[in-house]
Amino acid sequence: MPVVIYPLMKRFTYWPQLFLGITFNWGALMGFTAATGSIFPSIILPLYFAGIAWTLHYDTIYA
């Protein structure tokens, strides 16, 4: 679903990079869960939010 929402966010919000980060880093959540077989919020959430922050920074510079 985030893949469908991201292109629309460029038209409706000033923060499309945030939605890009949510979309691109969704794989970190899915990959970690698939590899370990369970969800450890204390491990995966900092990884996910760091990935979003990284995406915000590099996409802002790229833009």
PDB file of N, CA and C in Angstrom:
ATOM      1  N   MET A   1       0.798  -1.202   0.000  1.00  0.00           N
ATOM      2  CA  MET A   1       0.000   0.000   0.000  1.00  0.00           C
ATOM      3  C   MET A   1       0.846   1.275   0.000  1.00  0.00           C
ATOM      4  N   PRO A   2       1.956   1.337   0.729  1.00  0.00           N
ATOM      5  CA  PRO A   2       2.753   2.568   0.692  1.00  0.00           C
ATOM      6  C   PRO A   2       3.275   2.900  -0.705  1.00  0.00           C
ATOM      7  N   VAL A   3       3.475   1.888  -1.541  1.00  0.00           N
ATOM      8  CA  VAL A   3       3.970   2.132  -2.897  1.00  0.00           C
ATOM      9  C   VAL A   3       2.939   2.914  -3.705  1.00  0.00           C
ATOM     10  N   VAL A   4       1.685   2.704  -3.428  1.00  0.00           N
ATOM     11  CA  VAL A   4       0.617   3.418  -4.125  1.00  0.00           C
ATOM     12  C   VAL A   4       0.482   4.844  -3.590  1.00  0.00           C
ATOM     13  N   ILE A   5       0.708   5.028  -2.308  1.00  0.00           N
ATOM     14  CA  ILE A   5       0.502   6.329  -1.670  1.00  0.00           C
ATOM     15  C   ILE A   5       1.638   7.303  -1.969  1.00  0.00           C
ATOM     16  N   TYR A   6       2.878   6.823  -2.076  1.00  0.00           N
ATOM     17  CA  TYR A   6       4.023   7.731  -2.207  1.00  0.00           C
ATOM     18  C   TYR A   6       3.908   8.702  -3.383  1.00  0.00           C
ATOM     19  N   PRO A   7       3.599   8.267  -4.605  1.00  0.00           N
ATOM     20  CA  PRO A   7       3.517   9.250  -5.694  1.00  0.00           C
ATOM     21  C   PRO A   7       2.459  10.328  -5.464  1.00  0.00           C
ATOM     22  N   LEU A   8       1.404   9.993  -4.762  1.00  0.00           N
ATOM     23  CA  LEU A   8       0.369  10.984  -4.484  1.00  0.00           C
ATOM     24  C   LEU A   8       0.813  12.002  -3.443  1.00  0.00           C
ATOM     25  N   MET A   9       1.720  11.625  -2.564  1.00  0.00           N
ATOM     26  CA  MET A   9       2.158  12.524  -1.496  1.00  0.00           C
ATOM     27  C   MET A   9       2.926  13.715  -2.051  1.00  0.00           C
ATOM     28  N   LYS A  10       3.518  13.583  -3.220  1.00  0.00           N
ATOM     29  CA  LYS A  10       4.214  14.717  -3.821  1.00  0.00           C
ATOM     30  C   LYS A  10       3.243  15.853  -4.141  1.00  0.00           C
ATOM     31  N   ARG A  11       1.991  15.528  -4.314  1.00  0.00           N
ATOM     32  CA  ARG A  11       0.990  16.532  -4.666  1.00  0.00           C
ATOM     33  C   ARG A  11       0.227  17.083  -3.472  1.00  0.00           C
ATOM     34  N   PHE A  12       0.176  16.315  -2.387  1.00  0.00           N
ATOM     35  CA  PHE A  12      -0.699  16.683  -1.280  1.00  0.00           C
ATOM     36  C   PHE A  12       0.019  17.073   0.005  1.00  0.00           C
ATOM     37  N   THR A  13       1.333  16.952   0.066  1.00  0.00           N
ATOM     38  CA  THR A  13       2.041  17.254   1.305  1.00  0.00           C
ATOM     39  C   THR A  13       3.403  17.866   0.994  1.00  0.00           C
ATOM     40  N   TYR A  14       3.970  18.516   1.991  1.00  0.00           N
ATOM     41  CA  TYR A  14       5.308  19.074   1.860  1.00  0.00           C
ATOM     42  C   TYR A  14       6.384  18.081   2.291  1.00  0.00           C
ATOM     43  N   TRP A  15       5.994  16.889   2.739  1.00  0.00           N
ATOM     44  CA  TRP A  15       6.930  15.890   3.246  1.00  0.00           C
ATOM     45  C   TRP A  15       6.881  14.586   2.454  1.00  0.00           C
ATOM     46  N   PRO A  16       7.062  14.609   1.144  1.00  0.00           N
ATOM     47  CA  PRO A  16       7.042  13.337   0.412  1.00  0.00           C
ATOM     48  C   PRO A  16       8.218  12.436   0.785  1.00  0.00           C
ATOM     49  N   GLN A  17       9.319  13.044   1.268  1.00  0.00           N
ATOM     50  CA  GLN A  17      10.474  12.235   1.667  1.00  0.00           C
ATOM     51  C   GLN A  17      10.139  11.317   2.835  1.00  0.00           C
ATOM     52  N   LEU A  18       9.281  11.758   3.721  1.00  0.00           N
ATOM     53  CA  LEU A  18       8.877  10.917   4.845  1.00  0.00           C
ATOM     54  C   LEU A  18       8.166   9.665   4.344  1.00  0.00           C
ATOM     55  N   PHE A  19       7.273   9.828   3.408  1.00  0.00           N
ATOM     56  CA  PHE A  19       6.559   8.679   2.864  1.00  0.00           C
ATOM     57  C   PHE A  19       7.478   7.803   2.021  1.00  0.00           C
ATOM     58  N   LEU A  20       8.465   8.421   1.369  1.00  0.00           N
ATOM     59  CA  LEU A  20       9.467   7.628   0.661  1.00  0.00           C
ATOM     60  C   LEU A  20      10.249   6.774   1.643  1.00  0.00           C
ATOM     61  N   GLY A  21      10.633   7.350   2.784  1.00  0.00           N
ATOM     62  CA  GLY A  21      11.342   6.588   3.808  1.00  0.00           C
ATOM     63  C   GLY A  21      10.511   5.451   4.363  1.00  0.00           C
ATOM     64  N   ILE A  22       9.243   5.708   4.612  1.00  0.00           N
ATOM     65  CA  ILE A  22       8.349   4.657   5.103  1.00  0.00           C
ATOM     66  C   ILE A  22       8.241   3.539   4.075  1.00  0.00           C
ATOM     67  N   THR A  23       8.136   3.909   2.809  1.00  0.00           N
ATOM     68  CA  THR A  23       7.980   2.928   1.741  1.00  0.00           C
ATOM     69  C   THR A  23       9.255   2.122   1.523  1.00  0.00           C
ATOM     70  N   PHE A  24      10.385   2.793   1.379  1.00  0.00           N
ATOM     71  CA  PHE A  24      11.641   2.094   1.086  1.00  0.00           C
ATOM     72  C   PHE A  24      12.095   1.210   2.233  1.00  0.00           C
ATOM     73  N   ASN A  25      11.874   1.647   3.455  1.00  0.00           N
ATOM     74  CA  ASN A  25      12.394   0.911   4.605  1.00  0.00           C
ATOM     75  C   ASN A  25      11.416  -0.110   5.159  1.00  0.00           C
ATOM     76  N   TRP A  26      10.294  -0.270   4.515  1.00  0.00           N
ATOM     77  CA  TRP A  26       9.338  -1.309   4.900  1.00  0.00           C
ATOM     78  C   TRP A  26      10.000  -2.677   4.770  1.00  0.00           C
ATOM     79  N   GLY A  27      10.911  -2.800   3.831  1.00  0.00           N
ATOM     80  CA  GLY A  27      11.631  -4.057   3.639  1.00  0.00           C
ATOM     81  C   GLY A  27      12.469  -4.449   4.845  1.00  0.00           C
ATOM     82  N   ALA A  28      12.943  -3.479   5.613  1.00  0.00           N
ATOM     83  CA  ALA A  28      13.700  -3.800   6.827  1.00  0.00           C
ATOM     84  C   ALA A  28      12.810  -4.507   7.838  1.00  0.00           C
ATOM     85  N   LEU A  29      11.577  -4.046   7.966  1.00  0.00           N
ATOM     86  CA  LEU A  29      10.634  -4.704   8.874  1.00  0.00           C
ATOM     87  C   LEU A  29      10.314  -6.116   8.404  1.00  0.00           C
ATOM     88  N   MET A  30      10.024  -6.241   7.123  1.00  0.00           N
ATOM     89  CA  MET A  30       9.643  -7.547   6.582  1.00  0.00           C
ATOM     90  C   MET A  30      10.830  -8.513   6.558  1.00  0.00           C
ATOM     91  N   GLY A  31      11.995  -8.018   6.176  1.00  0.00           N
ATOM     92  CA  GLY A  31      13.181  -8.873   6.110  1.00  0.00           C
ATOM     93  C   GLY A  31      13.625  -9.369   7.474  1.00  0.00           C
ATOM     94  N   PHE A  32      13.614  -8.490   8.463  1.00  0.00           N
ATOM     95  CA  PHE A  32      14.006  -8.895   9.810  1.00  0.00           C
ATOM     96  C   PHE A  32      13.036  -9.924  10.367  1.00  0.00           C
ATOM     97  N   THR A  33      11.753  -9.696  10.148  1.00  0.00           N
ATOM     98  CA  THR A  33      10.744 -10.635  10.635  1.00  0.00           C
ATOM     99  C   THR A  33      10.867 -11.981   9.934  1.00  0.00           C
ATOM    100  N   ALA A  34      11.132 -11.963   8.643  1.00  0.00           N
ATOM    101  CA  ALA A  34      11.283 -13.218   7.899  1.00  0.00           C
ATOM    102  C   ALA A  34      12.540 -13.970   8.324  1.00  0.00           C
ATOM    103  N   ALA A  35      13.612 -13.243   8.602  1.00  0.00           N
ATOM    104  CA  ALA A  35      14.874 -13.895   8.965  1.00  0.00           C
ATOM    105  C   ALA A  35      14.853 -14.467  10.378  1.00  0.00           C
ATOM    106  N   THR A  36      14.200 -13.772  11.310  1.00  0.00           N
ATOM    107  CA  THR A  36      14.215 -14.223  12.699  1.00  0.00           C
ATOM    108  C   THR A  36      12.965 -15.001  13.088  1.00  0.00           C
ATOM    109  N   GLY A  37      11.890 -14.832  12.350  1.00  0.00           N
ATOM    110  CA  GLY A  37      10.656 -15.533  12.668  1.00  0.00           C
ATOM    111  C   GLY A  37       9.816 -14.862  13.731  1.00  0.00           C
ATOM    112  N   SER A  38      10.273 -13.731  14.246  1.00  0.00           N
ATOM    113  CA  SER A  38       9.490 -12.991  15.231  1.00  0.00           C
ATOM    114  C   SER A  38       9.869 -11.519  15.169  1.00  0.00           C
ATOM    115  N   ILE A  39       9.078 -10.717  15.864  1.00  0.00           N
ATOM    116  CA  ILE A  39       9.311  -9.275  15.882  1.00  0.00           C
ATOM    117  C   ILE A  39       9.882  -8.885  17.236  1.00  0.00           C
ATOM    118  N   PHE A  40      11.036  -8.243  17.223  1.00  0.00           N
ATOM    119  CA  PHE A  40      11.642  -7.687  18.432  1.00  0.00           C
ATOM    120  C   PHE A  40      11.608  -6.168  18.288  1.00  0.00           C
ATOM    121  N   PRO A  41      10.607  -5.500  18.875  1.00  0.00           N
ATOM    122  CA  PRO A  41      10.485  -4.056  18.691  1.00  0.00           C
ATOM    123  C   PRO A  41      11.714  -3.273  19.143  1.00  0.00           C
ATOM    124  N   SER A  42      12.405  -3.756  20.153  1.00  0.00           N
ATOM    125  CA  SER A  42      13.580  -3.025  20.634  1.00  0.00           C
ATOM    126  C   SER A  42      14.721  -3.055  19.622  1.00  0.00           C
ATOM    127  N   ILE A  43      14.689  -3.972  18.690  1.00  0.00           N
ATOM    128  CA  ILE A  43      15.725  -4.056  17.662  1.00  0.00           C
ATOM    129  C   ILE A  43      15.241  -3.462  16.349  1.00  0.00           C
ATOM    130  N   ILE A  44      14.062  -3.843  15.921  1.00  0.00           N
ATOM    131  CA  ILE A  44      13.616  -3.486  14.581  1.00  0.00           C
ATOM    132  C   ILE A  44      13.134  -2.040  14.473  1.00  0.00           C
ATOM    133  N   LEU A  45      12.506  -1.498  15.496  1.00  0.00           N
ATOM    134  CA  LEU A  45      12.010  -0.126  15.391  1.00  0.00           C
ATOM    135  C   LEU A  45      13.125   0.908  15.281  1.00  0.00           C
ATOM    136  N   PRO A  46      14.206   0.818  16.079  1.00  0.00           N
ATOM    137  CA  PRO A  46      15.307   1.758  15.847  1.00  0.00           C
ATOM    138  C   PRO A  46      15.925   1.615  14.455  1.00  0.00           C
ATOM    139  N   LEU A  47      16.018   0.389  13.968  1.00  0.00           N
ATOM    140  CA  LEU A  47      16.536   0.168  12.615  1.00  0.00           C
ATOM    141  C   LEU A  47      15.618   0.814  11.578  1.00  0.00           C
ATOM    142  N   TYR A  48      14.330   0.638  11.741  1.00  0.00           N
ATOM    143  CA  TYR A  48      13.353   1.198  10.806  1.00  0.00           C
ATOM    144  C   TYR A  48      13.387   2.727  10.827  1.00  0.00           C
ATOM    145  N   PHE A  49      13.389   3.319  12.019  1.00  0.00           N
ATOM    146  CA  PHE A  49      13.396   4.774  12.109  1.00  0.00           C
ATOM    147  C   PHE A  49      14.726   5.371  11.654  1.00  0.00           C
ATOM    148  N   ALA A  50      15.822   4.673  11.873  1.00  0.00           N
ATOM    149  CA  ALA A  50      17.111   5.135  11.355  1.00  0.00           C
ATOM    150  C   ALA A  50      17.109   5.103   9.832  1.00  0.00           C
ATOM    151  N   GLY A  51      16.504   4.084   9.261  1.00  0.00           N
ATOM    152  CA  GLY A  51      16.391   4.018   7.805  1.00  0.00           C
ATOM    153  C   GLY A  51      15.538   5.144   7.255  1.00  0.00           C
ATOM    154  N   ILE A  52      14.464   5.474   7.954  1.00  0.00           N
ATOM    155  CA  ILE A  52      13.620   6.591   7.526  1.00  0.00           C
ATOM    156  C   ILE A  52      14.399   7.898   7.613  1.00  0.00           C
ATOM    157  N   ALA A  53      15.141   8.095   8.694  1.00  0.00           N
ATOM    158  CA  ALA A  53      15.944   9.311   8.843  1.00  0.00           C
ATOM    159  C   ALA A  53      16.996   9.404   7.741  1.00  0.00           C
ATOM    160  N   TRP A  54      17.633   8.284   7.427  1.00  0.00           N
ATOM    161  CA  TRP A  54      18.634   8.257   6.363  1.00  0.00           C
ATOM    162  C   TRP A  54      17.993   8.647   5.026  1.00  0.00           C
ATOM    163  N   THR A  55      16.826   8.099   4.746  1.00  0.00           N
ATOM    164  CA  THR A  55      16.130   8.407   3.501  1.00  0.00           C
ATOM    165  C   THR A  55      15.724   9.872   3.454  1.00  0.00           C
ATOM    166  N   LEU A  56      15.261  10.415   4.573  1.00  0.00           N
ATOM    167  CA  LEU A  56      14.917  11.838   4.623  1.00  0.00           C
ATOM    168  C   LEU A  56      16.115  12.705   4.268  1.00  0.00           C
ATOM    169  N   HIS A  57      17.264  12.369   4.830  1.00  0.00           N
ATOM    170  CA  HIS A  57      18.459  13.176   4.592  1.00  0.00           C
ATOM    171  C   HIS A  57      18.938  13.075   3.152  1.00  0.00           C
ATOM    172  N   TYR A  58      19.099  11.861   2.640  1.00  0.00           N
ATOM    173  CA  TYR A  58      19.668  11.770   1.300  1.00  0.00           C
ATOM    174  C   TYR A  58      18.687  12.234   0.238  1.00  0.00           C
ATOM    175  N   ASP A  59      17.392  12.038   0.420  1.00  0.00           N
ATOM    176  CA  ASP A  59      16.449  12.493  -0.594  1.00  0.00           C
ATOM    177  C   ASP A  59      16.298  14.008  -0.558  1.00  0.00           C
ATOM    178  N   THR A  60      16.425  14.611   0.613  1.00  0.00           N
ATOM    179  CA  THR A  60      16.386  16.068   0.698  1.00  0.00           C
ATOM    180  C   THR A  60      17.595  16.674  -0.003  1.00  0.00           C
ATOM    181  N   ILE A  61      18.761  16.085   0.187  1.00  0.00           N
ATOM    182  CA  ILE A  61      19.961  16.572  -0.491  1.00  0.00           C
ATOM    183  C   ILE A  61      19.846  16.347  -1.994  1.00  0.00           C
ATOM    184  N   TYR A  62      19.330  15.189  -2.387  1.00  0.00           N
ATOM    185  CA  TYR A  62      19.175  14.867  -3.800  1.00  0.00           C
ATOM    186  C   TYR A  62      18.198  15.821  -4.483  1.00  0.00           C
ATOM    187  N   ALA A  63      17.146  16.198  -3.773  1.00  0.00           N
ATOM    188  CA  ALA A  63      16.136  17.085  -4.366  1.00  0.00           C
ATOM    189  C   ALA A  63      16.714  18.470  -4.564  1.00  0.00           C
TER     190      ALA A  63
END
